[in-house]
């Protein structure tokens, strides 16, 4: 019997070793490196908290990337929530072609961020892009429009691409929340003489509070490490106007080869993502307790 008990652990050992080599060891080693000055071709030197202090107190580029992250995240989440909520309300009704409509709406989320960025890169093309062609056709623009010529334009281009890509994600969360609301509540409201508007504000919105918070928080977590669209569409430009914290860490590590400092930046991002994830788990746990 003791031999059989250990057999399952022996079968799990290769997976555990692989998990350690692929995930845990790089994570711990990067933490170790973050407390050192490490640049390719030079010896590693222990500097303690210096990398973190530089990032938080001295590095204007990192501060700018944090600001850019917030500027991109706020309108993106706002538009994704409004459109996702609208589509969820529509799909929650008994309409013809509902399955086809749902499938078409969900397709963008199945595409990787890099592929989504490449798609929108072609759409934004100054000479042959479909968007400029449409704008010329309807008389809004008479010349080729460079979407990446200025910071505000580039930010708008990223926001539009991410809204197209991730609105279905928000929609699915809110749709699941809508479908979890019992029909009996709406029937009781109709019996009491409540209008559809009153039912929406007294039943739908209060019961959707948790799904709404979860959707918004998950999008904040995802946008706090925005990288793929930036890499493909703007490369952080023009003039660093779209450089996010994840992209800054990438440039520091793979362009300037400051491996220790890049590791410190990555751990600062990890701390923010971990805190937001903790809030998300706490929200979900509280929601389960209140049911």
Foldseek 3Di string as FASTA:
>chain_A
DVVVVCPVVVVCVVVVVVCCVPPVVVLVVLVVLLQWFDFPPDDIGGNGCVLVCCLVPPDVLNVLQAVLLVVLLVVLLVLLLVVLLVVLVVLLDPDPPSVVVLVVLCVLQVDDLQVLLVVLLQLLDQPRHVVQVVCCVVPNDVHRDRQAPDLVSLSVSLSVSSSSRCSSVLNVLLNVQVVPQDVVLVVVCVVVVHDPVRCCVPPVVVSCVLSSVLSSLVSSLVSLQDDNNCVRRPLCDDVNSNNHLNSVLVCVCPVVNRSNSSSSSVVVSVVVSVVSVVVSVVSVVVVVVVD
